[in-house]
Amino acid sequence: RDLTAVCFRDVTAELQRRRHVSALARTSATLATSGSVPVLSEALAREVLRADALAAVQIMTAAGTSGNLEIMGSAGFRRWPDFFERLLLCRERGAALQMMDAIDRREPVVVVDRWRQIAADPAWTPLHDYLSELEWGSFASVPLIARGRSIGVLNAFFITTGAVGTQTLEFLQAMAEQAAIAVDYASLLHTEREGARRDERQRLARDLHDSIVQQVFSV
């Protein structure tokens, strides 16, 4: 029986590893072909969800210059338009946001049996309905790191209530890295385009100025 149990665990671990590798490969292919961060984020969230024992996945990034987070991709939970308003209300009421710790510390945060803690905490009341839509237990939050800076977070809601394995955490970090690359690339591309537009506006302004000067001299 002991040998059978060991063999079963080994086979299960190998199947999980293969799912992780396949998910990474598909995500890399999507990254290479998709120019849209939301499209990639949605695809990545779905890949993470079906590659492990997860109830839901959220991928959040900083929005524009405000620095506020927004959900770029998700799988499992329904989209709630006022999710962040409710989240901030929970924080004002004293709720501990583990994902903010992950972003600030730039390292993964794992909380075993997280839903039980949230369900028992009145500070989380504004989001109890949202978080109770699915059956989940433990929670992991992995920061998206680009050039040494946290630009978002990947949240994983596990079906189980136990500890998160090393292999699973490494997989989440790899997927978070893929998301960070996409977000950073999109940001650089936007900056480059803005720079090009700014240069073109300056060129047009110079041309207009030179034209007006010439007209004045002509007069």
N, C-alpha and C. Protein backbone atom coordinates (compact mmCIF):
# COMPACT_ATOMS: atom_id res chain seq x y z
N ARG A 1 0.83 -1.21 0.00
CA ARG A 1 0.00 0.00 0.00
C ARG A 1 0.86 1.25 0.00
N ASP A 2 1.94 1.22 0.81
CA ASP A 2 2.82 2.39 0.86
C ASP A 2 3.44 2.65 -0.51
N LEU A 3 3.88 1.58 -1.18
CA LEU A 3 4.49 1.74 -2.49
C LEU A 3 3.49 2.29 -3.50
N THR A 4 2.26 1.80 -3.43
CA THR A 4 1.20 2.29 -4.32
C THR A 4 0.95 3.77 -4.09
N ALA A 5 0.92 4.19 -2.82
CA ALA A 5 0.69 5.59 -2.49
C ALA A 5 1.82 6.47 -3.04
N VAL A 6 3.08 6.00 -2.91
CA VAL A 6 4.22 6.75 -3.41
C VAL A 6 4.14 6.89 -4.93
N CYS A 7 3.81 5.77 -5.61
CA CYS A 7 3.69 5.79 -7.06
C CYS A 7 2.58 6.74 -7.50
N PHE A 8 1.47 6.75 -6.79
CA PHE A 8 0.35 7.63 -7.12
C PHE A 8 0.75 9.09 -6.98
N ARG A 9 1.47 9.40 -5.90
CA ARG A 9 1.92 10.78 -5.70
C ARG A 9 2.87 11.20 -6.80
N ASP A 10 3.77 10.28 -7.21
CA ASP A 10 4.73 10.60 -8.26
C ASP A 10 4.03 10.86 -9.59
N VAL A 11 3.05 10.00 -9.90
CA VAL A 11 2.30 10.17 -11.15
C VAL A 11 1.52 11.48 -11.13
N THR A 12 0.89 11.78 -9.99
CA THR A 12 0.12 13.02 -9.85
C THR A 12 1.03 14.24 -10.02
N ALA A 13 2.20 14.20 -9.40
CA ALA A 13 3.15 15.30 -9.50
C ALA A 13 3.63 15.48 -10.93
N GLU A 14 3.85 14.38 -11.64
CA GLU A 14 4.30 14.45 -13.03
C GLU A 14 3.21 15.04 -13.92
N LEU A 15 1.97 14.62 -13.71
CA LEU A 15 0.85 15.16 -14.48
C LEU A 15 0.71 16.66 -14.23
N GLN A 16 0.87 17.05 -12.97
CA GLN A 16 0.79 18.48 -12.63
C GLN A 16 1.91 19.25 -13.31
N ARG A 17 3.11 18.67 -13.31
CA ARG A 17 4.25 19.33 -13.95
C ARG A 17 3.98 19.52 -15.44
N ARG A 18 3.42 18.49 -16.08
CA ARG A 18 3.14 18.58 -17.51
C ARG A 18 2.08 19.64 -17.80
N ARG A 19 1.08 19.73 -16.93
CA ARG A 19 0.06 20.78 -17.11
C ARG A 19 0.68 22.16 -16.99
N HIS A 20 1.60 22.31 -16.04
CA HIS A 20 2.28 23.59 -15.85
C HIS A 20 3.09 23.96 -17.09
N VAL A 21 3.84 22.99 -17.61
CA VAL A 21 4.67 23.24 -18.79
C VAL A 21 3.81 23.60 -19.99
N SER A 22 2.71 22.88 -20.18
CA SER A 22 1.80 23.16 -21.29
C SER A 22 1.18 24.55 -21.17
N ALA A 23 0.80 24.90 -19.96
CA ALA A 23 0.21 26.23 -19.74
C ALA A 23 1.21 27.33 -20.04
N LEU A 24 2.46 27.14 -19.62
CA LEU A 24 3.50 28.12 -19.90
C LEU A 24 3.75 28.25 -21.40
N ALA A 25 3.76 27.11 -22.09
CA ALA A 25 4.00 27.13 -23.53
C ALA A 25 2.89 27.87 -24.26
N ARG A 26 1.64 27.59 -23.89
CA ARG A 26 0.51 28.26 -24.55
C ARG A 26 0.51 29.75 -24.24
N THR A 27 0.87 30.10 -23.01
CA THR A 27 0.91 31.51 -22.65
C THR A 27 2.01 32.24 -23.40
N SER A 28 3.16 31.60 -23.57
CA SER A 28 4.26 32.20 -24.33
C SER A 28 3.84 32.44 -25.78
N ALA A 29 3.10 31.48 -26.34
CA ALA A 29 2.61 31.63 -27.72
C ALA A 29 1.64 32.79 -27.82
N THR A 30 0.76 32.93 -26.83
CA THR A 30 -0.19 34.05 -26.82
C THR A 30 0.55 35.37 -26.67
N LEU A 31 1.60 35.39 -25.84
CA LEU A 31 2.39 36.59 -25.63
C LEU A 31 3.05 37.03 -26.93
N ALA A 32 3.47 36.04 -27.73
CA ALA A 32 4.16 36.35 -28.98
C ALA A 32 3.22 36.87 -30.06
N THR A 33 1.94 36.50 -29.98
CA THR A 33 1.01 36.86 -31.05
C THR A 33 0.01 37.94 -30.67
N SER A 34 -0.19 38.17 -29.39
CA SER A 34 -1.20 39.14 -28.96
C SER A 34 -0.57 40.47 -28.59
N GLY A 35 -1.13 41.54 -29.14
CA GLY A 35 -0.63 42.86 -28.78
C GLY A 35 -1.47 43.50 -27.70
N SER A 36 -2.42 42.77 -27.16
CA SER A 36 -3.35 43.31 -26.17
C SER A 36 -3.08 42.71 -24.80
N VAL A 37 -2.83 43.57 -23.82
CA VAL A 37 -2.59 43.10 -22.45
C VAL A 37 -3.85 42.45 -21.87
N PRO A 38 -5.05 43.05 -22.05
CA PRO A 38 -6.25 42.38 -21.52
C PRO A 38 -6.48 41.00 -22.13
N VAL A 39 -6.25 40.86 -23.43
CA VAL A 39 -6.44 39.56 -24.08
C VAL A 39 -5.47 38.54 -23.50
N LEU A 40 -4.20 38.94 -23.36
CA LEU A 40 -3.21 38.03 -22.80
C LEU A 40 -3.53 37.70 -21.35
N SER A 41 -3.95 38.70 -20.58
CA SER A 41 -4.25 38.49 -19.17
C SER A 41 -5.41 37.53 -18.98
N GLU A 42 -6.44 37.67 -19.81
CA GLU A 42 -7.58 36.75 -19.74
C GLU A 42 -7.14 35.33 -20.08
N ALA A 43 -6.33 35.20 -21.14
CA ALA A 43 -5.85 33.87 -21.53
C ALA A 43 -4.96 33.27 -20.45
N LEU A 44 -4.10 34.09 -19.87
CA LEU A 44 -3.21 33.61 -18.84
C LEU A 44 -3.98 33.16 -17.60
N ALA A 45 -4.99 33.94 -17.22
CA ALA A 45 -5.80 33.58 -16.05
C ALA A 45 -6.49 32.23 -16.27
N ARG A 46 -7.00 32.01 -17.48
CA ARG A 46 -7.66 30.74 -17.77
C ARG A 46 -6.67 29.57 -17.74
N GLU A 47 -5.45 29.81 -18.25
CA GLU A 47 -4.43 28.76 -18.24
C GLU A 47 -4.04 28.39 -16.81
N VAL A 48 -3.86 29.40 -15.97
CA VAL A 48 -3.50 29.13 -14.57
C VAL A 48 -4.63 28.36 -13.88
N LEU A 49 -5.86 28.77 -14.16
CA LEU A 49 -7.01 28.14 -13.50
C LEU A 49 -7.10 26.65 -13.80
N ARG A 50 -6.92 26.27 -15.06
CA ARG A 50 -7.10 24.87 -15.41
C ARG A 50 -5.84 24.03 -15.22
N ALA A 51 -4.73 24.67 -14.90
CA ALA A 51 -3.48 23.91 -14.71
C ALA A 51 -3.30 23.44 -13.28
N ASP A 52 -4.10 23.93 -12.35
CA ASP A 52 -3.93 23.56 -10.94
C ASP A 52 -5.28 23.48 -10.24
N ALA A 53 -5.23 23.11 -8.94
CA ALA A 53 -6.47 22.98 -8.15
C ALA A 53 -6.92 24.35 -7.69
N LEU A 54 -7.41 25.15 -8.64
CA LEU A 54 -7.79 26.52 -8.34
C LEU A 54 -9.27 26.75 -8.59
N ALA A 55 -9.83 27.64 -7.77
CA ALA A 55 -11.22 28.05 -7.95
C ALA A 55 -11.31 29.31 -8.79
N ALA A 56 -10.30 30.19 -8.65
CA ALA A 56 -10.33 31.46 -9.38
C ALA A 56 -8.93 32.05 -9.47
N VAL A 57 -8.78 32.93 -10.45
CA VAL A 57 -7.51 33.64 -10.67
C VAL A 57 -7.83 35.08 -11.04
N GLN A 58 -7.04 36.01 -10.49
CA GLN A 58 -7.16 37.42 -10.86
C GLN A 58 -5.76 37.93 -11.24
N ILE A 59 -5.72 38.73 -12.30
CA ILE A 59 -4.47 39.41 -12.66
C ILE A 59 -4.76 40.89 -12.65
N MET A 60 -4.07 41.61 -11.76
CA MET A 60 -4.31 43.03 -11.59
C MET A 60 -3.04 43.81 -11.91
N THR A 61 -3.24 44.98 -12.52
CA THR A 61 -2.11 45.84 -12.85
C THR A 61 -2.44 47.28 -12.47
N ALA A 62 -1.41 48.09 -12.34
CA ALA A 62 -1.60 49.50 -12.02
C ALA A 62 -2.20 50.20 -13.23
N ALA A 63 -3.20 51.02 -12.98
CA ALA A 63 -3.92 51.70 -14.06
C ALA A 63 -3.37 53.10 -14.27
N GLY A 64 -2.75 53.32 -15.44
CA GLY A 64 -2.31 54.66 -15.82
C GLY A 64 -1.37 55.30 -14.82
N THR A 65 -1.48 56.61 -14.71
CA THR A 65 -0.59 57.36 -13.82
C THR A 65 -1.10 57.39 -12.39
N SER A 66 -2.36 56.98 -12.18
CA SER A 66 -2.93 57.03 -10.83
C SER A 66 -2.33 55.97 -9.92
N GLY A 67 -1.88 54.87 -10.53
CA GLY A 67 -1.30 53.79 -9.73
C GLY A 67 -2.34 52.88 -9.11
N ASN A 68 -3.64 53.18 -9.31
CA ASN A 68 -4.68 52.32 -8.77
C ASN A 68 -4.71 51.00 -9.54
N LEU A 69 -5.03 49.92 -8.82
CA LEU A 69 -5.08 48.62 -9.47
C LEU A 69 -6.40 48.43 -10.21
N GLU A 70 -6.34 47.65 -11.27
CA GLU A 70 -7.55 47.25 -11.98
C GLU A 70 -7.38 45.81 -12.44
N ILE A 71 -8.49 45.09 -12.55
CA ILE A 71 -8.43 43.70 -13.00
C ILE A 71 -8.26 43.67 -14.51
N MET A 72 -7.13 43.14 -14.98
CA MET A 72 -6.87 43.02 -16.41
C MET A 72 -7.33 41.67 -16.94
N GLY A 73 -7.30 40.66 -16.10
CA GLY A 73 -7.73 39.33 -16.53
C GLY A 73 -8.22 38.55 -15.32
N SER A 74 -9.23 37.70 -15.53
CA SER A 74 -9.74 36.91 -14.42
C SER A 74 -10.39 35.64 -14.96
N ALA A 75 -10.48 34.65 -14.10
CA ALA A 75 -11.16 33.40 -14.42
C ALA A 75 -11.73 32.86 -13.12
N GLY A 76 -12.97 32.40 -13.16
CA GLY A 76 -13.62 31.88 -11.96
C GLY A 76 -14.67 32.84 -11.44
N PHE A 77 -14.24 33.92 -10.82
CA PHE A 77 -15.18 34.91 -10.29
C PHE A 77 -15.82 35.71 -11.42
N ARG A 78 -17.06 36.13 -11.21
CA ARG A 78 -17.70 37.05 -12.15
C ARG A 78 -17.08 38.44 -11.99
N ARG A 79 -17.22 39.24 -13.05
CA ARG A 79 -16.74 40.62 -12.98
C ARG A 79 -17.74 41.48 -12.21
N TRP A 80 -17.26 42.17 -11.20
CA TRP A 80 -18.09 43.13 -10.46
C TRP A 80 -17.58 44.53 -10.77
N PRO A 81 -18.41 45.40 -11.35
CA PRO A 81 -17.95 46.75 -11.71
C PRO A 81 -17.39 47.55 -10.54
N ASP A 82 -17.96 47.31 -9.34
CA ASP A 82 -17.52 48.10 -8.18
C ASP A 82 -16.60 47.30 -7.26
N PHE A 83 -15.88 46.33 -7.84
CA PHE A 83 -15.02 45.47 -7.02
C PHE A 83 -14.01 46.29 -6.22
N PHE A 84 -13.31 47.22 -6.87
CA PHE A 84 -12.25 47.94 -6.17
C PHE A 84 -12.80 48.94 -5.17
N GLU A 85 -13.96 49.50 -5.46
CA GLU A 85 -14.58 50.37 -4.46
C GLU A 85 -14.88 49.57 -3.19
N ARG A 86 -15.39 48.36 -3.36
CA ARG A 86 -15.67 47.50 -2.21
C ARG A 86 -14.37 47.07 -1.51
N LEU A 87 -13.35 46.80 -2.32
CA LEU A 87 -12.06 46.38 -1.74
C LEU A 87 -11.47 47.50 -0.88
N LEU A 88 -11.50 48.72 -1.39
CA LEU A 88 -10.98 49.85 -0.63
C LEU A 88 -11.81 50.10 0.63
N LEU A 89 -13.12 49.85 0.53
CA LEU A 89 -13.97 49.99 1.70
C LEU A 89 -13.58 48.96 2.77
N CYS A 90 -13.28 47.75 2.32
CA CYS A 90 -12.82 46.72 3.26
C CYS A 90 -11.53 47.17 3.95
N ARG A 91 -10.65 47.76 3.17
CA ARG A 91 -9.37 48.22 3.74
C ARG A 91 -9.61 49.33 4.77
N GLU A 92 -10.53 50.25 4.44
CA GLU A 92 -10.85 51.32 5.38
C GLU A 92 -11.43 50.77 6.68
N ARG A 93 -12.11 49.63 6.57
CA ARG A 93 -12.71 49.01 7.75
C ARG A 93 -11.71 48.16 8.53
N GLY A 94 -10.47 48.10 8.03
CA GLY A 94 -9.42 47.39 8.77
C GLY A 94 -9.01 46.04 8.21
N ALA A 95 -9.53 45.67 7.02
CA ALA A 95 -9.18 44.39 6.42
C ALA A 95 -7.73 44.40 5.95
N ALA A 96 -7.05 43.29 6.17
CA ALA A 96 -5.66 43.15 5.72
C ALA A 96 -5.64 42.63 4.29
N LEU A 97 -5.10 43.43 3.37
CA LEU A 97 -5.02 43.05 1.96
C LEU A 97 -3.67 42.39 1.70
N GLN A 98 -3.68 41.07 1.60
CA GLN A 98 -2.43 40.33 1.42
C GLN A 98 -1.76 40.68 0.10
N MET A 99 -2.55 40.99 -0.91
CA MET A 99 -1.94 41.29 -2.21
C MET A 99 -1.12 42.58 -2.16
N MET A 100 -1.52 43.52 -1.30
CA MET A 100 -0.73 44.73 -1.17
C MET A 100 0.60 44.43 -0.50
N ASP A 101 0.60 43.46 0.42
CA ASP A 101 1.86 43.03 1.03
C ASP A 101 2.78 42.42 -0.02
N ALA A 102 2.19 41.62 -0.92
CA ALA A 102 2.99 41.00 -1.99
C ALA A 102 3.59 42.06 -2.89
N ILE A 103 2.80 43.09 -3.21
CA ILE A 103 3.29 44.17 -4.08
C ILE A 103 4.38 44.97 -3.37
N ASP A 104 4.15 45.32 -2.12
CA ASP A 104 5.12 46.14 -1.37
C ASP A 104 6.42 45.39 -1.13
N ARG A 105 6.32 44.10 -0.80
CA ARG A 105 7.51 43.31 -0.48
C ARG A 105 8.15 42.68 -1.71
N ARG A 106 7.43 42.73 -2.83
CA ARG A 106 7.90 42.16 -4.10
C ARG A 106 8.26 40.67 -3.95
N GLU A 107 7.41 39.96 -3.22
CA GLU A 107 7.58 38.52 -3.06
C GLU A 107 6.22 37.89 -2.80
N PRO A 108 6.06 36.59 -3.15
CA PRO A 108 4.77 35.93 -2.98
C PRO A 108 4.31 35.89 -1.53
N VAL A 109 3.00 35.98 -1.35
CA VAL A 109 2.38 35.83 -0.03
C VAL A 109 1.37 34.69 -0.13
N VAL A 110 1.48 33.72 0.77
CA VAL A 110 0.59 32.57 0.78
C VAL A 110 -0.12 32.52 2.13
N VAL A 111 -1.45 32.37 2.10
CA VAL A 111 -2.23 32.30 3.34
C VAL A 111 -3.09 31.03 3.29
N VAL A 112 -2.81 30.12 4.20
CA VAL A 112 -3.56 28.86 4.26
C VAL A 112 -4.95 29.11 4.85
N ASP A 113 -5.96 28.48 4.26
CA ASP A 113 -7.34 28.59 4.74
C ASP A 113 -7.77 30.06 4.85
N ARG A 114 -7.47 30.82 3.82
CA ARG A 114 -7.74 32.25 3.83
C ARG A 114 -9.23 32.58 3.86
N TRP A 115 -10.06 31.82 3.12
CA TRP A 115 -11.48 32.15 3.07
C TRP A 115 -12.12 32.07 4.45
N ARG A 116 -11.74 31.11 5.25
CA ARG A 116 -12.30 30.98 6.60
C ARG A 116 -12.00 32.24 7.40
N GLN A 117 -10.80 32.77 7.25
CA GLN A 117 -10.43 34.00 7.97
C GLN A 117 -11.27 35.19 7.50
N ILE A 118 -11.42 35.30 6.18
CA ILE A 118 -12.18 36.42 5.61
C ILE A 118 -13.66 36.34 6.00
N ALA A 119 -14.21 35.12 5.93
CA ALA A 119 -15.63 34.94 6.24
C ALA A 119 -15.95 35.33 7.68
N ALA A 120 -14.96 35.16 8.57
CA ALA A 120 -15.18 35.46 9.98
C ALA A 120 -14.83 36.90 10.35
N ASP A 121 -14.35 37.68 9.38
CA ASP A 121 -13.90 39.04 9.65
C ASP A 121 -14.94 40.05 9.14
N PRO A 122 -15.59 40.81 10.03
CA PRO A 122 -16.61 41.79 9.61
C PRO A 122 -16.06 42.86 8.67
N ALA A 123 -14.75 43.10 8.72
CA ALA A 123 -14.16 44.13 7.87
C ALA A 123 -14.30 43.78 6.39
N TRP A 124 -14.45 42.48 6.09
CA TRP A 124 -14.57 42.03 4.71
C TRP A 124 -16.03 41.96 4.24
N THR A 125 -16.97 42.42 5.04
CA THR A 125 -18.39 42.31 4.69
C THR A 125 -18.73 42.84 3.29
N PRO A 126 -18.17 43.98 2.85
CA PRO A 126 -18.52 44.48 1.51
C PRO A 126 -18.19 43.51 0.37
N LEU A 127 -17.28 42.56 0.61
CA LEU A 127 -16.90 41.62 -0.44
C LEU A 127 -17.27 40.17 -0.11
N HIS A 128 -18.00 39.95 0.97
CA HIS A 128 -18.38 38.58 1.34
C HIS A 128 -19.19 37.91 0.23
N ASP A 129 -20.14 38.64 -0.36
CA ASP A 129 -20.97 38.05 -1.41
C ASP A 129 -20.12 37.66 -2.62
N TYR A 130 -19.22 38.53 -2.98
CA TYR A 130 -18.35 38.27 -4.14
C TYR A 130 -17.45 37.06 -3.88
N LEU A 131 -16.79 37.03 -2.75
CA LEU A 131 -15.82 35.98 -2.45
C LEU A 131 -16.47 34.65 -2.11
N SER A 132 -17.76 34.67 -1.80
CA SER A 132 -18.45 33.43 -1.45
C SER A 132 -19.13 32.79 -2.67
N GLU A 133 -18.97 33.39 -3.85
CA GLU A 133 -19.56 32.82 -5.05
C GLU A 133 -18.99 31.43 -5.37
N LEU A 134 -17.73 31.23 -5.01
CA LEU A 134 -17.04 29.97 -5.29
C LEU A 134 -16.58 29.33 -3.99
N GLU A 135 -16.37 28.02 -4.04
CA GLU A 135 -15.81 27.32 -2.89
C GLU A 135 -14.29 27.32 -3.01
N TRP A 136 -13.63 27.97 -2.07
CA TRP A 136 -12.18 28.02 -2.09
C TRP A 136 -11.65 28.08 -0.66
N GLY A 137 -10.35 27.85 -0.52
CA GLY A 137 -9.77 27.81 0.82
C GLY A 137 -8.54 28.68 0.96
N SER A 138 -7.40 28.18 0.49
CA SER A 138 -6.14 28.91 0.63
C SER A 138 -6.00 29.96 -0.48
N PHE A 139 -5.01 30.85 -0.29
CA PHE A 139 -4.84 31.99 -1.18
C PHE A 139 -3.36 32.28 -1.38
N ALA A 140 -3.00 32.65 -2.60
CA ALA A 140 -1.62 33.06 -2.88
C ALA A 140 -1.65 34.31 -3.75
N SER A 141 -0.78 35.23 -3.45
CA SER A 141 -0.67 36.46 -4.21
C SER A 141 0.78 36.62 -4.65
N VAL A 142 0.99 36.72 -5.96
CA VAL A 142 2.34 36.78 -6.52
C VAL A 142 2.50 38.10 -7.28
N PRO A 143 3.49 38.91 -6.93
CA PRO A 143 3.65 40.21 -7.59
C PRO A 143 4.14 40.07 -9.03
N LEU A 144 3.74 41.01 -9.87
CA LEU A 144 4.29 41.11 -11.23
C LEU A 144 5.46 42.08 -11.15
N ILE A 145 6.66 41.60 -11.43
CA ILE A 145 7.86 42.41 -11.29
C ILE A 145 8.43 42.73 -12.67
N ALA A 146 8.64 44.02 -12.94
CA ALA A 146 9.26 44.45 -14.19
C ALA A 146 10.36 45.45 -13.87
N ARG A 147 11.57 45.11 -14.26
CA ARG A 147 12.73 45.98 -14.01
C ARG A 147 12.83 46.40 -12.55
N GLY A 148 12.61 45.43 -11.67
CA GLY A 148 12.76 45.65 -10.24
C GLY A 148 11.62 46.38 -9.56
N ARG A 149 10.52 46.58 -10.29
CA ARG A 149 9.39 47.33 -9.74
C ARG A 149 8.12 46.50 -9.82
N SER A 150 7.30 46.55 -8.78
CA SER A 150 6.01 45.85 -8.77
C SER A 150 5.01 46.63 -9.61
N ILE A 151 4.45 45.98 -10.64
CA ILE A 151 3.50 46.67 -11.51
C ILE A 151 2.12 46.01 -11.47
N GLY A 152 1.96 45.04 -10.59
CA GLY A 152 0.68 44.37 -10.49
C GLY A 152 0.80 43.13 -9.63
N VAL A 153 -0.20 42.26 -9.73
CA VAL A 153 -0.22 41.07 -8.88
C VAL A 153 -1.08 39.98 -9.53
N LEU A 154 -0.72 38.74 -9.28
CA LEU A 154 -1.52 37.59 -9.69
C LEU A 154 -2.06 36.94 -8.42
N ASN A 155 -3.38 36.88 -8.29
CA ASN A 155 -4.03 36.28 -7.13
C ASN A 155 -4.59 34.91 -7.49
N ALA A 156 -4.29 33.91 -6.69
CA ALA A 156 -4.78 32.55 -6.92
C ALA A 156 -5.60 32.09 -5.72
N PHE A 157 -6.82 31.64 -5.99
CA PHE A 157 -7.73 31.17 -4.96
C PHE A 157 -7.85 29.65 -5.10
N PHE A 158 -7.32 28.91 -4.12
CA PHE A 158 -7.22 27.46 -4.21
C PHE A 158 -8.49 26.77 -3.72
N ILE A 159 -8.84 25.67 -4.37
CA ILE A 159 -9.98 24.88 -3.94
C ILE A 159 -9.72 24.27 -2.56
N THR A 160 -8.48 23.87 -2.34
CA THR A 160 -8.11 23.24 -1.07
C THR A 160 -7.81 24.29 0.00
N THR A 161 -7.78 23.83 1.26
CA THR A 161 -7.51 24.74 2.38
C THR A 161 -6.09 24.56 2.92
N GLY A 162 -5.34 23.61 2.37
CA GLY A 162 -4.02 23.31 2.90
C GLY A 162 -2.92 24.19 2.34
N ALA A 163 -1.68 23.77 2.59
CA ALA A 163 -0.51 24.51 2.16
C ALA A 163 -0.37 24.47 0.64
N VAL A 164 0.28 25.48 0.10
CA VAL A 164 0.54 25.55 -1.34
C VAL A 164 1.92 24.96 -1.61
N GLY A 165 1.99 23.97 -2.49
CA GLY A 165 3.25 23.29 -2.78
C GLY A 165 4.26 24.17 -3.48
N THR A 166 5.53 23.81 -3.35
CA THR A 166 6.62 24.56 -3.96
C THR A 166 6.48 24.60 -5.48
N GLN A 167 6.14 23.46 -6.07
CA GLN A 167 6.00 23.38 -7.52
C GLN A 167 4.90 24.31 -8.02
N THR A 168 3.78 24.34 -7.30
CA THR A 168 2.67 25.21 -7.68
C THR A 168 3.06 26.68 -7.56
N LEU A 169 3.75 27.02 -6.48
CA LEU A 169 4.17 28.41 -6.29
C LEU A 169 5.16 28.84 -7.37
N GLU A 170 6.07 27.96 -7.76
CA GLU A 170 7.01 28.28 -8.83
C GLU A 170 6.28 28.49 -10.15
N PHE A 171 5.25 27.69 -10.37
CA PHE A 171 4.44 27.84 -11.58
C PHE A 171 3.74 29.20 -11.59
N LEU A 172 3.16 29.59 -10.46
CA LEU A 172 2.48 30.88 -10.37
C LEU A 172 3.46 32.03 -10.62
N GLN A 173 4.68 31.89 -10.09
CA GLN A 173 5.68 32.92 -10.30
C GLN A 173 6.07 33.01 -11.77
N ALA A 174 6.17 31.86 -12.44
CA ALA A 174 6.51 31.85 -13.86
C ALA A 174 5.41 32.52 -14.68
N MET A 175 4.16 32.25 -14.34
CA MET A 175 3.04 32.87 -15.05
C MET A 175 2.95 34.37 -14.76
N ALA A 176 3.27 34.74 -13.52
CA ALA A 176 3.28 36.16 -13.17
C ALA A 176 4.38 36.89 -13.95
N GLU A 177 5.48 36.20 -14.17
CA GLU A 177 6.56 36.79 -14.95
C GLU A 177 6.12 37.04 -16.40
N GLN A 178 5.36 36.07 -16.96
CA GLN A 178 4.83 36.25 -18.31
C GLN A 178 3.91 37.47 -18.37
N ALA A 179 3.05 37.60 -17.38
CA ALA A 179 2.14 38.75 -17.34
C ALA A 179 2.91 40.06 -17.20
N ALA A 180 3.94 40.06 -16.37
CA ALA A 180 4.73 41.27 -16.16
C ALA A 180 5.43 41.70 -17.45
N ILE A 181 5.92 40.73 -18.21
CA ILE A 181 6.58 41.04 -19.48
C ILE A 181 5.60 41.72 -20.43
N ALA A 182 4.39 41.18 -20.50
CA ALA A 182 3.38 41.74 -21.40
C ALA A 182 3.00 43.16 -20.99
N VAL A 183 2.77 43.36 -19.71
CA VAL A 183 2.37 44.68 -19.22
C VAL A 183 3.49 45.69 -19.43
N ASP A 184 4.72 45.29 -19.14
CA ASP A 184 5.86 46.19 -19.28
C ASP A 184 6.09 46.55 -20.74
N TYR A 185 5.95 45.55 -21.62
CA TYR A 185 6.13 45.80 -23.06
C TYR A 185 5.08 46.79 -23.56
N ALA A 186 3.83 46.58 -23.13
CA ALA A 186 2.75 47.48 -23.55
C ALA A 186 3.01 48.90 -23.05
N SER A 187 3.52 49.01 -21.83
CA SER A 187 3.82 50.32 -21.27
C SER A 187 4.93 51.03 -22.05
N LEU A 188 5.99 50.26 -22.38
CA LEU A 188 7.09 50.83 -23.15
C LEU A 188 6.63 51.26 -24.54
N LEU A 189 5.77 50.43 -25.16
CA LEU A 189 5.26 50.75 -26.48
C LEU A 189 4.42 52.03 -26.44
N HIS A 190 3.59 52.15 -25.39
CA HIS A 190 2.77 53.35 -25.23
C HIS A 190 3.65 54.58 -25.06
N THR A 191 4.69 54.44 -24.24
CA THR A 191 5.61 55.56 -24.00
C THR A 191 6.32 55.96 -25.28
N GLU A 192 6.73 54.94 -26.06
CA GLU A 192 7.41 55.22 -27.32
C GLU A 192 6.50 55.95 -28.30
N ARG A 193 5.22 55.49 -28.35
CA ARG A 193 4.27 56.14 -29.25
C ARG A 193 3.99 57.57 -28.80
N GLU A 194 3.87 57.76 -27.47
CA GLU A 194 3.64 59.10 -26.95
C GLU A 194 4.81 60.00 -27.29
N GLY A 195 6.04 59.44 -27.18
CA GLY A 195 7.24 60.21 -27.53
C GLY A 195 7.25 60.59 -28.99
N ALA A 196 6.85 59.64 -29.84
CA ALA A 196 6.80 59.91 -31.28
C ALA A 196 5.76 60.98 -31.59
N ARG A 197 4.60 60.90 -30.94
CA ARG A 197 3.56 61.91 -31.15
C ARG A 197 4.02 63.28 -30.66
N ARG A 198 4.73 63.28 -29.53
CA ARG A 198 5.22 64.55 -28.99
C ARG A 198 6.24 65.18 -29.95
N ASP A 199 7.13 64.34 -30.49
CA ASP A 199 8.12 64.85 -31.44
C ASP A 199 7.44 65.40 -32.70
N GLU A 200 6.38 64.70 -33.14
CA GLU A 200 5.66 65.15 -34.34
C GLU A 200 4.95 66.48 -34.07
N ARG A 201 4.36 66.62 -32.86
CA ARG A 201 3.71 67.89 -32.52
C ARG A 201 4.73 69.03 -32.49
N GLN A 202 5.90 68.74 -31.93
CA GLN A 202 6.94 69.77 -31.86
C GLN A 202 7.42 70.16 -33.27
N ARG A 203 7.53 69.13 -34.13
CA ARG A 203 7.96 69.42 -35.51
C ARG A 203 6.93 70.28 -36.22
N LEU A 204 5.65 69.94 -36.04
CA LEU A 204 4.59 70.72 -36.67
C LEU A 204 4.57 72.15 -36.12
N ALA A 205 4.81 72.27 -34.81
CA ALA A 205 4.83 73.60 -34.20
C ALA A 205 5.96 74.44 -34.79
N ARG A 206 7.13 73.79 -34.97
CA ARG A 206 8.28 74.51 -35.56
C ARG A 206 7.97 74.92 -37.00
N ASP A 207 7.34 73.97 -37.75
CA ASP A 207 6.99 74.29 -39.14
C ASP A 207 6.00 75.44 -39.20
N LEU A 208 5.03 75.42 -38.29
CA LEU A 208 4.02 76.47 -38.26
C LEU A 208 4.67 77.80 -37.90
N HIS A 209 5.57 77.75 -36.92
CA HIS A 209 6.27 78.97 -36.50
C HIS A 209 7.09 79.54 -37.64
N ASP A 210 7.85 78.64 -38.32
CA ASP A 210 8.68 79.10 -39.43
C ASP A 210 7.82 79.68 -40.55
N SER A 211 6.65 79.06 -40.79
CA SER A 211 5.76 79.54 -41.83
C SER A 211 5.24 80.92 -41.51
N ILE A 212 4.85 81.12 -40.24
CA ILE A 212 4.33 82.44 -39.82
C ILE A 212 5.43 83.48 -39.94
N VAL A 213 6.67 83.14 -39.53
CA VAL A 213 7.77 84.08 -39.61
C VAL A 213 8.01 84.50 -41.06
N GLN A 214 7.98 83.47 -41.95
CA GLN A 214 8.19 83.79 -43.37
C GLN A 214 7.11 84.71 -43.90
N GLN A 215 5.85 84.46 -43.49
CA GLN A 215 4.77 85.30 -43.95
C GLN A 215 4.94 86.75 -43.44
N VAL A 216 5.39 86.87 -42.18
CA VAL A 216 5.60 88.21 -41.60
C VAL A 216 6.67 88.94 -42.38
N PHE A 217 7.77 88.24 -42.68
CA PHE A 217 8.84 88.89 -43.45
C PHE A 217 8.37 89.28 -44.83
N SER A 218 7.52 88.41 -45.43
CA SER A 218 6.97 88.73 -46.76
C SER A 218 6.16 89.99 -46.73
N VAL A 219 5.32 90.13 -45.69
CA VAL A 219 4.50 91.33 -45.54
C VAL A 219 5.40 92.57 -45.35
